[in-house]
Amino acid sequence: MAVKHLQVVSVPVADQDRAKAFYVDALGFRLLADTRMGSDQRWVQVGPEGGQTSLTLVTWFDTMPPGSLKGIVLECDDLRATHDQLAARGVRFTQGIEEQPWGVFTTFDDPDGNGWVLQASAPE
């Protein structure tokens, strides 16, 4: 049996409500779950519309402090339009748009400092 796809990525955050607002309101992800896990933890799961992979916003991994996730890549069809749309929703980009032979990209951080890459691959 072969691995089919990446299903869930844990994103370390300090405040799940603040992170949920960023991923849902600013990035436009869907809220997939917000469920209590015992008396002091929640499973907060978000994901891009139509995507196979989702994120869980975690506070309970001692080895994953908030802001320690770096370099996860989000693919989009039109980088400049997506950049402008996200910037209008309050996403603060950490660098300008860069063009490479393989496509265009830019970077941003979530409220905890987790680093993301937004890219649009060049047509094949």
PDB file of N, CA and C in Angstrom:
ATOM      1  N   MET A   1       0.850  -1.181   0.000  1.00  0.00           N
ATOM      2  CA  MET A   1       0.000   0.000   0.000  1.00  0.00           C
ATOM      3  C   MET A   1       0.893   1.240   0.000  1.00  0.00           C
ATOM      4  N   ALA A   2       0.606   2.188  -0.854  1.00  0.00           N
ATOM      5  CA  ALA A   2       1.406   3.411  -0.984  1.00  0.00           C
ATOM      6  C   ALA A   2       0.734   4.582  -0.283  1.00  0.00           C
ATOM      7  N   VAL A   3       1.543   5.533   0.153  1.00  0.00           N
ATOM      8  CA  VAL A   3       1.022   6.765   0.728  1.00  0.00           C
ATOM      9  C   VAL A   3       0.327   7.538  -0.387  1.00  0.00           C
ATOM     10  N   LYS A   4      -0.883   8.059  -0.114  1.00  0.00           N
ATOM     11  CA  LYS A   4      -1.667   8.759  -1.133  1.00  0.00           C
ATOM     12  C   LYS A   4      -1.476  10.270  -1.108  1.00  0.00           C
ATOM     13  N   HIS A   5      -1.473  10.855   0.074  1.00  0.00           N
ATOM     14  CA  HIS A   5      -1.288  12.297   0.179  1.00  0.00           C
ATOM     15  C   HIS A   5      -1.029  12.679   1.624  1.00  0.00           C
ATOM     16  N   LEU A   6      -0.603  13.898   1.818  1.00  0.00           N
ATOM     17  CA  LEU A   6      -0.408  14.463   3.142  1.00  0.00           C
ATOM     18  C   LEU A   6      -1.768  14.936   3.635  1.00  0.00           C
ATOM     19  N   GLN A   7      -2.196  14.472   4.798  1.00  0.00           N
ATOM     20  CA  GLN A   7      -3.548  14.793   5.249  1.00  0.00           C
ATOM     21  C   GLN A   7      -3.613  15.974   6.213  1.00  0.00           C
ATOM     22  N   VAL A   8      -2.806  15.947   7.285  1.00  0.00           N
ATOM     23  CA  VAL A   8      -2.873  17.006   8.294  1.00  0.00           C
ATOM     24  C   VAL A   8      -1.455  17.439   8.669  1.00  0.00           C
ATOM     25  N   VAL A   9      -1.245  18.743   8.733  1.00  0.00           N
ATOM     26  CA  VAL A   9       0.010  19.314   9.202  1.00  0.00           C
ATOM     27  C   VAL A   9      -0.291  20.062  10.498  1.00  0.00           C
ATOM     28  N   SER A  10       0.490  19.794  11.533  1.00  0.00           N
ATOM     29  CA  SER A  10       0.321  20.492  12.814  1.00  0.00           C
ATOM     30  C   SER A  10       1.064  21.815  12.772  1.00  0.00           C
ATOM     31  N   VAL A  11       0.353  22.892  13.074  1.00  0.00           N
ATOM     32  CA  VAL A  11       0.927  24.241  13.091  1.00  0.00           C
ATOM     33  C   VAL A  11       0.938  24.706  14.550  1.00  0.00           C
ATOM     34  N   PRO A  12       2.128  24.935  15.122  1.00  0.00           N
ATOM     35  CA  PRO A  12       2.205  25.328  16.534  1.00  0.00           C
ATOM     36  C   PRO A  12       1.838  26.799  16.742  1.00  0.00           C
ATOM     37  N   VAL A  13       0.846  27.026  17.588  1.00  0.00           N
ATOM     38  CA  VAL A  13       0.359  28.377  17.861  1.00  0.00           C
ATOM     39  C   VAL A  13       0.246  28.601  19.361  1.00  0.00           C
ATOM     40  N   ALA A  14       0.232  29.858  19.758  1.00  0.00           N
ATOM     41  CA  ALA A  14       0.082  30.206  21.174  1.00  0.00           C
ATOM     42  C   ALA A  14      -1.390  30.356  21.549  1.00  0.00           C
ATOM     43  N   ASP A  15      -2.196  30.857  20.645  1.00  0.00           N
ATOM     44  CA  ASP A  15      -3.598  31.152  20.906  1.00  0.00           C
ATOM     45  C   ASP A  15      -4.430  30.605  19.748  1.00  0.00           C
ATOM     46  N   GLN A  16      -5.187  29.555  19.997  1.00  0.00           N
ATOM     47  CA  GLN A  16      -5.939  28.912  18.923  1.00  0.00           C
ATOM     48  C   GLN A  16      -7.015  29.817  18.336  1.00  0.00           C
ATOM     49  N   ASP A  17      -7.643  30.646  19.143  1.00  0.00           N
ATOM     50  CA  ASP A  17      -8.673  31.542  18.612  1.00  0.00           C
ATOM     51  C   ASP A  17      -8.074  32.588  17.677  1.00  0.00           C
ATOM     52  N   ARG A  18      -6.952  33.173  18.063  1.00  0.00           N
ATOM     53  CA  ARG A  18      -6.274  34.155  17.212  1.00  0.00           C
ATOM     54  C   ARG A  18      -5.807  33.494  15.911  1.00  0.00           C
ATOM     55  N   ALA A  19      -5.230  32.296  16.019  1.00  0.00           N
ATOM     56  CA  ALA A  19      -4.756  31.577  14.826  1.00  0.00           C
ATOM     57  C   ALA A  19      -5.924  31.185  13.926  1.00  0.00           C
ATOM     58  N   LYS A  20      -7.009  30.712  14.525  1.00  0.00           N
ATOM     59  CA  LYS A  20      -8.186  30.337  13.734  1.00  0.00           C
ATOM     60  C   LYS A  20      -8.709  31.540  12.967  1.00  0.00           C
ATOM     61  N   ALA A  21      -8.772  32.694  13.594  1.00  0.00           N
ATOM     62  CA  ALA A  21      -9.239  33.910  12.915  1.00  0.00           C
ATOM     63  C   ALA A  21      -8.328  34.249  11.739  1.00  0.00           C
ATOM     64  N   PHE A  22      -7.015  34.118  11.904  1.00  0.00           N
ATOM     65  CA  PHE A  22      -6.091  34.409  10.816  1.00  0.00           C
ATOM     66  C   PHE A  22      -6.298  33.449   9.648  1.00  0.00           C
ATOM     67  N   TYR A  23      -6.313  32.167   9.922  1.00  0.00           N
ATOM     68  CA  TYR A  23      -6.407  31.189   8.838  1.00  0.00           C
ATOM     69  C   TYR A  23      -7.772  31.210   8.151  1.00  0.00           C
ATOM     70  N   VAL A  24      -8.826  31.479   8.901  1.00  0.00           N
ATOM     71  CA  VAL A  24     -10.166  31.508   8.303  1.00  0.00           C
ATOM     72  C   VAL A  24     -10.452  32.882   7.676  1.00  0.00           C
ATOM     73  N   ASP A  25     -10.278  33.939   8.434  1.00  0.00           N
ATOM     74  CA  ASP A  25     -10.660  35.269   7.956  1.00  0.00           C
ATOM     75  C   ASP A  25      -9.646  35.880   6.984  1.00  0.00           C
ATOM     76  N   ALA A  26      -8.355  35.765   7.275  1.00  0.00           N
ATOM     77  CA  ALA A  26      -7.345  36.388   6.418  1.00  0.00           C
ATOM     78  C   ALA A  26      -6.973  35.499   5.230  1.00  0.00           C
ATOM     79  N   LEU A  27      -6.717  34.210   5.490  1.00  0.00           N
ATOM     80  CA  LEU A  27      -6.318  33.331   4.389  1.00  0.00           C
ATOM     81  C   LEU A  27      -7.504  32.745   3.633  1.00  0.00           C
ATOM     82  N   GLY A  28      -8.685  32.765   4.235  1.00  0.00           N
ATOM     83  CA  GLY A  28      -9.872  32.245   3.551  1.00  0.00           C
ATOM     84  C   GLY A  28     -10.033  30.738   3.635  1.00  0.00           C
ATOM     85  N   PHE A  29      -9.343  30.102   4.590  1.00  0.00           N
ATOM     86  CA  PHE A  29      -9.501  28.654   4.784  1.00  0.00           C
ATOM     87  C   PHE A  29     -10.856  28.364   5.407  1.00  0.00           C
ATOM     88  N   ARG A  30     -11.319  27.127   5.226  1.00  0.00           N
ATOM     89  CA  ARG A  30     -12.563  26.685   5.865  1.00  0.00           C
ATOM     90  C   ARG A  30     -12.255  26.145   7.255  1.00  0.00           C
ATOM     91  N   LEU A  31     -13.141  26.383   8.192  1.00  0.00           N
ATOM     92  CA  LEU A  31     -13.040  25.758   9.506  1.00  0.00           C
ATOM     93  C   LEU A  31     -13.622  24.356   9.381  1.00  0.00           C
ATOM     94  N   LEU A  32     -12.795  23.345   9.578  1.00  0.00           N
ATOM     95  CA  LEU A  32     -13.217  21.956   9.435  1.00  0.00           C
ATOM     96  C   LEU A  32     -13.645  21.339  10.759  1.00  0.00           C
ATOM     97  N   ALA A  33     -13.025  21.788  11.854  1.00  0.00           N
ATOM     98  CA  ALA A  33     -13.378  21.259  13.174  1.00  0.00           C
ATOM     99  C   ALA A  33     -12.898  22.226  14.248  1.00  0.00           C
ATOM    100  N   ASP A  34     -13.657  22.304  15.309  1.00  0.00           N
ATOM    101  CA  ASP A  34     -13.253  23.007  16.523  1.00  0.00           C
ATOM    102  C   ASP A  34     -13.906  22.236  17.659  1.00  0.00           C
ATOM    103  N   THR A  35     -13.170  21.260  18.162  1.00  0.00           N
ATOM    104  CA  THR A  35     -13.716  20.280  19.085  1.00  0.00           C
ATOM    105  C   THR A  35     -12.866  20.191  20.343  1.00  0.00           C
ATOM    106  N   ARG A  36     -13.525  20.103  21.483  1.00  0.00           N
ATOM    107  CA  ARG A  36     -12.816  19.934  22.746  1.00  0.00           C
ATOM    108  C   ARG A  36     -12.157  18.566  22.794  1.00  0.00           C
ATOM    109  N   MET A  37     -10.940  18.546  23.341  1.00  0.00           N
ATOM    110  CA  MET A  37     -10.212  17.295  23.588  1.00  0.00           C
ATOM    111  C   MET A  37      -9.868  17.295  25.072  1.00  0.00           C
ATOM    112  N   GLY A  38     -10.726  16.730  25.872  1.00  0.00           N
ATOM    113  CA  GLY A  38     -10.501  16.773  27.310  1.00  0.00           C
ATOM    114  C   GLY A  38     -10.859  18.131  27.873  1.00  0.00           C
ATOM    115  N   SER A  39     -10.345  18.418  29.048  1.00  0.00           N
ATOM    116  CA  SER A  39     -10.739  19.652  29.731  1.00  0.00           C
ATOM    117  C   SER A  39      -9.911  20.865  29.329  1.00  0.00           C
ATOM    118  N   ASP A  40      -8.715  20.658  28.750  1.00  0.00           N
ATOM    119  CA  ASP A  40      -7.853  21.810  28.501  1.00  0.00           C
ATOM    120  C   ASP A  40      -7.264  21.881  27.082  1.00  0.00           C
ATOM    121  N   GLN A  41      -7.790  21.100  26.149  1.00  0.00           N
ATOM    122  CA  GLN A  41      -7.276  21.145  24.792  1.00  0.00           C
ATOM    123  C   GLN A  41      -8.413  21.150  23.782  1.00  0.00           C
ATOM    124  N   ARG A  42      -8.094  21.699  22.590  1.00  0.00           N
ATOM    125  CA  ARG A  42      -9.059  21.710  21.487  1.00  0.00           C
ATOM    126  C   ARG A  42      -8.382  21.220  20.220  1.00  0.00           C
ATOM    127  N   TRP A  43      -9.163  20.575  19.371  1.00  0.00           N
ATOM    128  CA  TRP A  43      -8.719  20.209  18.031  1.00  0.00           C
ATOM    129  C   TRP A  43      -9.322  21.243  17.092  1.00  0.00           C
ATOM    130  N   VAL A  44      -8.487  22.149  16.608  1.00  0.00           N
ATOM    131  CA  VAL A  44      -8.927  23.180  15.670  1.00  0.00           C
ATOM    132  C   VAL A  44      -8.271  22.849  14.335  1.00  0.00           C
ATOM    133  N   GLN A  45      -9.111  22.557  13.346  1.00  0.00           N
ATOM    134  CA  GLN A  45      -8.622  22.122  12.038  1.00  0.00           C
ATOM    135  C   GLN A  45      -9.195  23.026  10.949  1.00  0.00           C
ATOM    136  N   VAL A  46      -8.303  23.513  10.086  1.00  0.00           N
ATOM    137  CA  VAL A  46      -8.680  24.397   8.985  1.00  0.00           C
ATOM    138  C   VAL A  46      -8.040  23.876   7.702  1.00  0.00           C
ATOM    139  N   GLY A  47      -8.588  24.301   6.563  1.00  0.00           N
ATOM    140  CA  GLY A  47      -7.988  23.884   5.305  1.00  0.00           C
ATOM    141  C   GLY A  47      -8.485  24.706   4.144  1.00  0.00           C
ATOM    142  N   PRO A  48      -7.689  24.757   3.079  1.00  0.00           N
ATOM    143  CA  PRO A  48      -8.124  25.493   1.890  1.00  0.00           C
ATOM    144  C   PRO A  48      -9.295  24.793   1.216  1.00  0.00           C
ATOM    145  N   GLU A  49     -10.168  25.572   0.650  1.00  0.00           N
ATOM    146  CA  GLU A  49     -11.339  25.038  -0.055  1.00  0.00           C
ATOM    147  C   GLU A  49     -10.896  24.038  -1.123  1.00  0.00           C
ATOM    148  N   GLY A  50     -11.431  22.830  -1.066  1.00  0.00           N
ATOM    149  CA  GLY A  50     -11.139  21.807  -2.061  1.00  0.00           C
ATOM    150  C   GLY A  50      -9.800  21.114  -1.900  1.00  0.00           C
ATOM    151  N   GLY A  51      -9.034  21.470  -0.892  1.00  0.00           N
ATOM    152  CA  GLY A  51      -7.718  20.865  -0.699  1.00  0.00           C
ATOM    153  C   GLY A  51      -7.795  19.513   0.002  1.00  0.00           C
ATOM    154  N   GLN A  52      -6.812  18.667  -0.242  1.00  0.00           N
ATOM    155  CA  GLN A  52      -6.748  17.375   0.439  1.00  0.00           C
ATOM    156  C   GLN A  52      -6.048  17.485   1.782  1.00  0.00           C
ATOM    157  N   THR A  53      -5.177  18.469   1.931  1.00  0.00           N
ATOM    158  CA  THR A  53      -4.408  18.627   3.152  1.00  0.00           C
ATOM    159  C   THR A  53      -5.026  19.721   4.012  1.00  0.00           C
ATOM    160  N   SER A  54      -5.035  19.489   5.317  1.00  0.00           N
ATOM    161  CA  SER A  54      -5.542  20.505   6.238  1.00  0.00           C
ATOM    162  C   SER A  54      -4.503  20.768   7.318  1.00  0.00           C
ATOM    163  N   LEU A  55      -4.781  21.765   8.145  1.00  0.00           N
ATOM    164  CA  LEU A  55      -3.899  22.150   9.242  1.00  0.00           C
ATOM    165  C   LEU A  55      -4.629  21.974  10.554  1.00  0.00           C
ATOM    166  N   THR A  56      -3.925  21.510  11.569  1.00  0.00           N
ATOM    167  CA  THR A  56      -4.477  21.554  12.911  1.00  0.00           C
ATOM    168  C   THR A  56      -3.631  22.544  13.707  1.00  0.00           C
ATOM    169  N   LEU A  57      -4.283  23.440  14.391  1.00  0.00           N
ATOM    170  CA  LEU A  57      -3.628  24.520  15.127  1.00  0.00           C
ATOM    171  C   LEU A  57      -3.393  24.032  16.549  1.00  0.00           C
ATOM    172  N   VAL A  58      -2.148  23.668  16.851  1.00  0.00           N
ATOM    173  CA  VAL A  58      -1.829  22.953  18.083  1.00  0.00           C
ATOM    174  C   VAL A  58      -1.117  23.823  19.107  1.00  0.00           C
ATOM    175  N   THR A  59      -1.380  23.513  20.370  1.00  0.00           N
ATOM    176  CA  THR A  59      -0.731  24.207  21.485  1.00  0.00           C
ATOM    177  C   THR A  59      -0.038  23.242  22.434  1.00  0.00           C
ATOM    178  N   TRP A  60      -0.074  21.963  22.169  1.00  0.00           N
ATOM    179  CA  TRP A  60       0.324  20.975  23.162  1.00  0.00           C
ATOM    180  C   TRP A  60       1.631  20.229  22.895  1.00  0.00           C
ATOM    181  N   PHE A  61       2.374  20.568  21.863  1.00  0.00           N
ATOM    182  CA  PHE A  61       3.642  19.883  21.608  1.00  0.00           C
ATOM    183  C   PHE A  61       4.797  20.710  22.173  1.00  0.00           C
ATOM    184  N   ASP A  62       5.439  20.217  23.226  1.00  0.00           N
ATOM    185  CA  ASP A  62       6.560  20.942  23.826  1.00  0.00           C
ATOM    186  C   ASP A  62       7.711  21.134  22.842  1.00  0.00           C
ATOM    187  N   THR A  63       7.875  20.207  21.914  1.00  0.00           N
ATOM    188  CA  THR A  63       8.983  20.282  20.953  1.00  0.00           C
ATOM    189  C   THR A  63       8.648  21.157  19.743  1.00  0.00           C
ATOM    190  N   MET A  64       7.437  21.709  19.709  1.00  0.00           N
ATOM    191  CA  MET A  64       7.020  22.592  18.618  1.00  0.00           C
ATOM    192  C   MET A  64       6.515  23.909  19.210  1.00  0.00           C
ATOM    193  N   PRO A  65       7.416  24.804  19.583  1.00  0.00           N
ATOM    194  CA  PRO A  65       6.945  26.079  20.132  1.00  0.00           C
ATOM    195  C   PRO A  65       6.256  26.917  19.053  1.00  0.00           C
ATOM    196  N   PRO A  66       5.327  27.774  19.453  1.00  0.00           N
ATOM    197  CA  PRO A  66       4.657  28.640  18.490  1.00  0.00           C
ATOM    198  C   PRO A  66       5.677  29.385  17.626  1.00  0.00           C
ATOM    199  N   GLY A  67       5.429  29.384  16.320  1.00  0.00           N
ATOM    200  CA  GLY A  67       6.299  30.081  15.392  1.00  0.00           C
ATOM    201  C   GLY A  67       7.445  29.245  14.848  1.00  0.00           C
ATOM    202  N   SER A  68       7.543  27.983  15.235  1.00  0.00           N
ATOM    203  CA  SER A  68       8.690  27.168  14.818  1.00  0.00           C
ATOM    204  C   SER A  68       8.516  26.482  13.465  1.00  0.00           C
ATOM    205  N   LEU A  69       7.335  26.550  12.876  1.00  0.00           N
ATOM    206  CA  LEU A  69       7.105  25.930  11.567  1.00  0.00           C
ATOM    207  C   LEU A  69       7.539  26.910  10.474  1.00  0.00           C
ATOM    208  N   LYS A  70       8.349  26.446   9.549  1.00  0.00           N
ATOM    209  CA  LYS A  70       8.864  27.327   8.488  1.00  0.00           C
ATOM    210  C   LYS A  70       8.821  26.602   7.148  1.00  0.00           C
ATOM    211  N   GLY A  71       8.545  27.360   6.089  1.00  0.00           N
ATOM    212  CA  GLY A  71       8.736  26.879   4.736  1.00  0.00           C
ATOM    213  C   GLY A  71       7.650  26.017   4.137  1.00  0.00           C
ATOM    214  N   ILE A  72       6.462  25.980   4.717  1.00  0.00           N
ATOM    215  CA  ILE A  72       5.374  25.235   4.092  1.00  0.00           C
ATOM    216  C   ILE A  72       4.876  26.062   2.904  1.00  0.00           C
ATOM    217  N   VAL A  73       4.663  25.399   1.792  1.00  0.00           N
ATOM    218  CA  VAL A  73       4.329  26.088   0.543  1.00  0.00           C
ATOM    219  C   VAL A  73       2.846  25.951   0.220  1.00  0.00           C
ATOM    220  N   LEU A  74       2.213  27.075  -0.044  1.00  0.00           N
ATOM    221  CA  LEU A  74       0.828  27.119  -0.508  1.00  0.00           C
ATOM    222  C   LEU A  74       0.843  27.478  -1.987  1.00  0.00           C
ATOM    223  N   GLU A  75       0.204  26.676  -2.807  1.00  0.00           N
ATOM    224  CA  GLU A  75       0.146  26.903  -4.251  1.00  0.00           C
ATOM    225  C   GLU A  75      -1.128  27.663  -4.597  1.00  0.00           C
ATOM    226  N   CYS A  76      -1.015  28.609  -5.518  1.00  0.00           N
ATOM    227  CA  CYS A  76      -2.179  29.331  -6.021  1.00  0.00           C
ATOM    228  C   CYS A  76      -2.060  29.463  -7.539  1.00  0.00           C
ATOM    229  N   ASP A  77      -3.144  29.836  -8.189  1.00  0.00           N
ATOM    230  CA  ASP A  77      -3.139  29.977  -9.643  1.00  0.00           C
ATOM    231  C   ASP A  77      -2.555  31.309 -10.097  1.00  0.00           C
ATOM    232  N   ASP A  78      -2.902  32.385  -9.393  1.00  0.00           N
ATOM    233  CA  ASP A  78      -2.499  33.740  -9.788  1.00  0.00           C
ATOM    234  C   ASP A  78      -1.889  34.412  -8.568  1.00  0.00           C
ATOM    235  N   LEU A  79      -0.574  34.412  -8.493  1.00  0.00           N
ATOM    236  CA  LEU A  79       0.103  34.908  -7.295  1.00  0.00           C
ATOM    237  C   LEU A  79      -0.196  36.370  -7.017  1.00  0.00           C
ATOM    238  N   ARG A  80      -0.135  37.206  -8.029  1.00  0.00           N
ATOM    239  CA  ARG A  80      -0.329  38.633  -7.790  1.00  0.00           C
ATOM    240  C   ARG A  80      -1.747  38.942  -7.304  1.00  0.00           C
ATOM    241  N   ALA A  81      -2.739  38.323  -7.897  1.00  0.00           N
ATOM    242  CA  ALA A  81      -4.118  38.542  -7.450  1.00  0.00           C
ATOM    243  C   ALA A  81      -4.324  37.995  -6.043  1.00  0.00           C
ATOM    244  N   THR A  82      -3.778  36.819  -5.758  1.00  0.00           N
ATOM    245  CA  THR A  82      -3.915  36.236  -4.419  1.00  0.00           C
ATOM    246  C   THR A  82      -3.176  37.085  -3.397  1.00  0.00           C
ATOM    247  N   HIS A  83      -1.979  37.542  -3.733  1.00  0.00           N
ATOM    248  CA  HIS A  83      -1.205  38.426  -2.857  1.00  0.00           C
ATOM    249  C   HIS A  83      -2.017  39.662  -2.503  1.00  0.00           C
ATOM    250  N   ASP A  84      -2.590  40.313  -3.500  1.00  0.00           N
ATOM    251  CA  ASP A  84      -3.350  41.541  -3.264  1.00  0.00           C
ATOM    252  C   ASP A  84      -4.588  41.276  -2.415  1.00  0.00           C
ATOM    253  N   GLN A  85      -5.260  40.164  -2.685  1.00  0.00           N
ATOM    254  CA  GLN A  85      -6.452  39.799  -1.917  1.00  0.00           C
ATOM    255  C   GLN A  85      -6.098  39.533  -0.455  1.00  0.00           C
ATOM    256  N   LEU A  86      -5.035  38.772  -0.223  1.00  0.00           N
ATOM    257  CA  LEU A  86      -4.640  38.458   1.155  1.00  0.00           C
ATOM    258  C   LEU A  86      -4.126  39.698   1.875  1.00  0.00           C
ATOM    259  N   ALA A  87      -3.381  40.553   1.178  1.00  0.00           N
ATOM    260  CA  ALA A  87      -2.896  41.792   1.795  1.00  0.00           C
ATOM    261  C   ALA A  87      -4.073  42.674   2.218  1.00  0.00           C
ATOM    262  N   ALA A  88      -5.123  42.707   1.410  1.00  0.00           N
ATOM    263  CA  ALA A  88      -6.312  43.494   1.757  1.00  0.00           C
ATOM    264  C   ALA A  88      -7.010  42.935   2.996  1.00  0.00           C
ATOM    265  N   ARG A  89      -6.825  41.650   3.262  1.00  0.00           N
ATOM    266  CA  ARG A  89      -7.410  41.016   4.450  1.00  0.00           C
ATOM    267  C   ARG A  89      -6.480  41.082   5.662  1.00  0.00           C
ATOM    268  N   GLY A  90      -5.344  41.751   5.519  1.00  0.00           N
ATOM    269  CA  GLY A  90      -4.453  41.941   6.656  1.00  0.00           C
ATOM    270  C   GLY A  90      -3.230  41.046   6.714  1.00  0.00           C
ATOM    271  N   VAL A  91      -3.000  40.190   5.717  1.00  0.00           N
ATOM    272  CA  VAL A  91      -1.793  39.372   5.707  1.00  0.00           C
ATOM    273  C   VAL A  91      -0.610  40.288   5.406  1.00  0.00           C
ATOM    274  N   ARG A  92       0.418  40.202   6.240  1.00  0.00           N
ATOM    275  CA  ARG A  92       1.621  41.028   6.058  1.00  0.00           C
ATOM    276  C   ARG A  92       2.714  40.168   5.445  1.00  0.00           C
ATOM    277  N   PHE A  93       3.097  40.505   4.244  1.00  0.00           N
ATOM    278  CA  PHE A  93       4.119  39.746   3.529  1.00  0.00           C
ATOM    279  C   PHE A  93       5.500  40.186   3.984  1.00  0.00           C
ATOM    280  N   THR A  94       6.410  39.224   4.083  1.00  0.00           N
ATOM    281  CA  THR A  94       7.746  39.487   4.613  1.00  0.00           C
ATOM    282  C   THR A  94       8.763  39.786   3.521  1.00  0.00           C
ATOM    283  N   GLN A  95       8.380  39.641   2.273  1.00  0.00           N
ATOM    284  CA  GLN A  95       9.241  39.998   1.147  1.00  0.00           C
ATOM    285  C   GLN A  95       8.369  40.286  -0.060  1.00  0.00           C
ATOM    286  N   GLY A  96       8.952  40.910  -1.052  1.00  0.00           N
ATOM    287  CA  GLY A  96       8.228  41.178  -2.280  1.00  0.00           C
ATOM    288  C   GLY A  96       8.066  39.913  -3.113  1.00  0.00           C
ATOM    289  N   ILE A  97       7.337  40.049  -4.196  1.00  0.00           N
ATOM    290  CA  ILE A  97       7.134  38.925  -5.110  1.00  0.00           C
ATOM    291  C   ILE A  97       8.420  38.718  -5.907  1.00  0.00           C
ATOM    292  N   GLU A  98       8.887  37.483  -5.939  1.00  0.00           N
ATOM    293  CA  GLU A  98      10.098  37.132  -6.679  1.00  0.00           C
ATOM    294  C   GLU A  98       9.750  36.189  -7.817  1.00  0.00           C
ATOM    295  N   GLU A  99      10.372  36.434  -8.945  1.00  0.00           N
ATOM    296  CA  GLU A  99      10.185  35.565 -10.107  1.00  0.00           C
ATOM    297  C   GLU A  99      11.384  34.641 -10.246  1.00  0.00           C
ATOM    298  N   GLN A 100      11.099  33.378 -10.516  1.00  0.00           N
ATOM    299  CA  GLN A 100      12.114  32.359 -10.737  1.00  0.00           C
ATOM    300  C   GLN A 100      11.731  31.572 -11.986  1.00  0.00           C
ATOM    301  N   PRO A 101      12.645  30.799 -12.551  1.00  0.00           N
ATOM    302  CA  PRO A 101      12.288  30.002 -13.723  1.00  0.00           C
ATOM    303  C   PRO A 101      11.133  29.033 -13.474  1.00  0.00           C
ATOM    304  N   TRP A 102      10.993  28.576 -12.243  1.00  0.00           N
ATOM    305  CA  TRP A 102       9.942  27.606 -11.902  1.00  0.00           C
ATOM    306  C   TRP A 102       8.613  28.259 -11.541  1.00  0.00           C
ATOM    307  N   GLY A 103       8.588  29.587 -11.357  1.00  0.00           N
ATOM    308  CA  GLY A 103       7.351  30.275 -11.001  1.00  0.00           C
ATOM    309  C   GLY A 103       7.626  31.548 -10.232  1.00  0.00           C
ATOM    310  N   VAL A 104       6.609  32.034  -9.512  1.00  0.00           N
ATOM    311  CA  VAL A 104       6.735  33.242  -8.694  1.00  0.00           C
ATOM    312  C   VAL A 104       6.330  32.904  -7.266  1.00  0.00           C
ATOM    313  N   PHE A 105       6.920  33.652  -6.303  1.00  0.00           N
ATOM    314  CA  PHE A 105       6.595  33.373  -4.909  1.00  0.00           C
ATOM    315  C   PHE A 105       6.797  34.611  -4.052  1.00  0.00           C
ATOM    316  N   THR A 106       6.238  34.540  -2.854  1.00  0.00           N
ATOM    317  CA  THR A 106       6.449  35.521  -1.805  1.00  0.00           C
ATOM    318  C   THR A 106       6.289  34.794  -0.476  1.00  0.00           C
ATOM    319  N   THR A 107       6.570  35.459   0.615  1.00  0.00           N
ATOM    320  CA  THR A 107       6.462  34.815   1.921  1.00  0.00           C
ATOM    321  C   THR A 107       5.680  35.690   2.898  1.00  0.00           C
ATOM    322  N   PHE A 108       5.115  35.044   3.895  1.00  0.00           N
ATOM    323  CA  PHE A 108       4.419  35.747   4.970  1.00  0.00           C
ATOM    324  C   PHE A 108       4.494  34.896   6.227  1.00  0.00           C
ATOM    325  N   ASP A 109       4.212  35.509   7.354  1.00  0.00           N
ATOM    326  CA  ASP A 109       4.156  34.819   8.634  1.00  0.00           C
ATOM    327  C   ASP A 109       2.749  34.893   9.185  1.00  0.00           C
ATOM    328  N   ASP A 110       2.364  33.861   9.940  1.00  0.00           N
ATOM    329  CA  ASP A 110       1.101  33.938  10.660  1.00  0.00           C
ATOM    330  C   ASP A 110       1.337  34.743  11.944  1.00  0.00           C
ATOM    331  N   PRO A 111       0.316  34.988  12.765  1.00  0.00           N
ATOM    332  CA  PRO A 111       0.504  35.818  13.956  1.00  0.00           C
ATOM    333  C   PRO A 111       1.530  35.284  14.953  1.00  0.00           C
ATOM    334  N   ASP A 112       1.838  33.984  14.891  1.00  0.00           N
ATOM    335  CA  ASP A 112       2.826  33.404  15.799  1.00  0.00           C
ATOM    336  C   ASP A 112       4.230  33.385  15.221  1.00  0.00           C
ATOM    337  N   GLY A 113       4.382  33.745  13.944  1.00  0.00           N
ATOM    338  CA  GLY A 113       5.691  33.719  13.312  1.00  0.00           C
ATOM    339  C   GLY A 113       5.978  32.466  12.506  1.00  0.00           C
ATOM    340  N   ASN A 114       4.989  31.581  12.350  1.00  0.00           N
ATOM    341  CA  ASN A 114       5.172  30.448  11.454  1.00  0.00           C
ATOM    342  C   ASN A 114       5.324  30.992  10.042  1.00  0.00           C
ATOM    343  N   GLY A 115       6.342  30.542   9.312  1.00  0.00           N
ATOM    344  CA  GLY A 115       6.672  31.099   8.006  1.00  0.00           C
ATOM    345  C   GLY A 115       6.091  30.301   6.854  1.00  0.00           C
ATOM    346  N   TRP A 116       5.408  30.990   5.957  1.00  0.00           N
ATOM    347  CA  TRP A 116       4.728  30.384   4.815  1.00  0.00           C
ATOM    348  C   TRP A 116       5.258  30.932   3.513  1.00  0.00           C
ATOM    349  N   VAL A 117       5.215  30.107   2.478  1.00  0.00           N
ATOM    350  CA  VAL A 117       5.560  30.513   1.123  1.00  0.00           C
ATOM    351  C   VAL A 117       4.296  30.435   0.291  1.00  0.00           C
ATOM    352  N   LEU A 118       3.976  31.493  -0.414  1.00  0.00           N
ATOM    353  CA  LEU A 118       2.866  31.501  -1.357  1.00  0.00           C
ATOM    354  C   LEU A 118       3.479  31.507  -2.747  1.00  0.00           C
ATOM    355  N   GLN A 119       3.109  30.522  -3.568  1.00  0.00           N
ATOM    356  CA  GLN A 119       3.714  30.437  -4.892  1.00  0.00           C
ATOM    357  C   GLN A 119       2.698  30.087  -5.959  1.00  0.00           C
ATOM    358  N   ALA A 120       3.060  30.429  -7.194  1.00  0.00           N
ATOM    359  CA  ALA A 120       2.333  29.994  -8.383  1.00  0.00           C
ATOM    360  C   ALA A 120       3.400  29.407  -9.309  1.00  0.00           C
ATOM    361  N   SER A 121       3.277  28.128  -9.573  1.00  0.00           N
ATOM    362  CA  SER A 121       4.246  27.452 -10.446  1.00  0.00           C
ATOM    363  C   SER A 121       4.068  27.918 -11.877  1.00  0.00           C
ATOM    364  N   ALA A 122       5.184  27.957 -12.607  1.00  0.00           N
ATOM    365  CA  ALA A 122       5.129  28.312 -14.026  1.00  0.00           C
ATOM    366  C   ALA A 122       4.408  27.211 -14.794  1.00  0.00           C
ATOM    367  N   PRO A 123       3.663  27.570 -15.820  1.00  0.00           N
ATOM    368  CA  PRO A 123       3.002  26.548 -16.631  1.00  0.00           C
ATOM    369  C   PRO A 123       4.039  25.611 -17.245  1.00  0.00           C
ATOM    370  N   GLU A 124       3.685  24.368 -17.361  1.00  0.00           N
ATOM    371  CA  GLU A 124       4.615  23.391 -17.942  1.00  0.00           C
ATOM    372  C   GLU A 124       4.667  23.511 -19.445  1.00  0.00           C
TER     373      GLU A 124
END
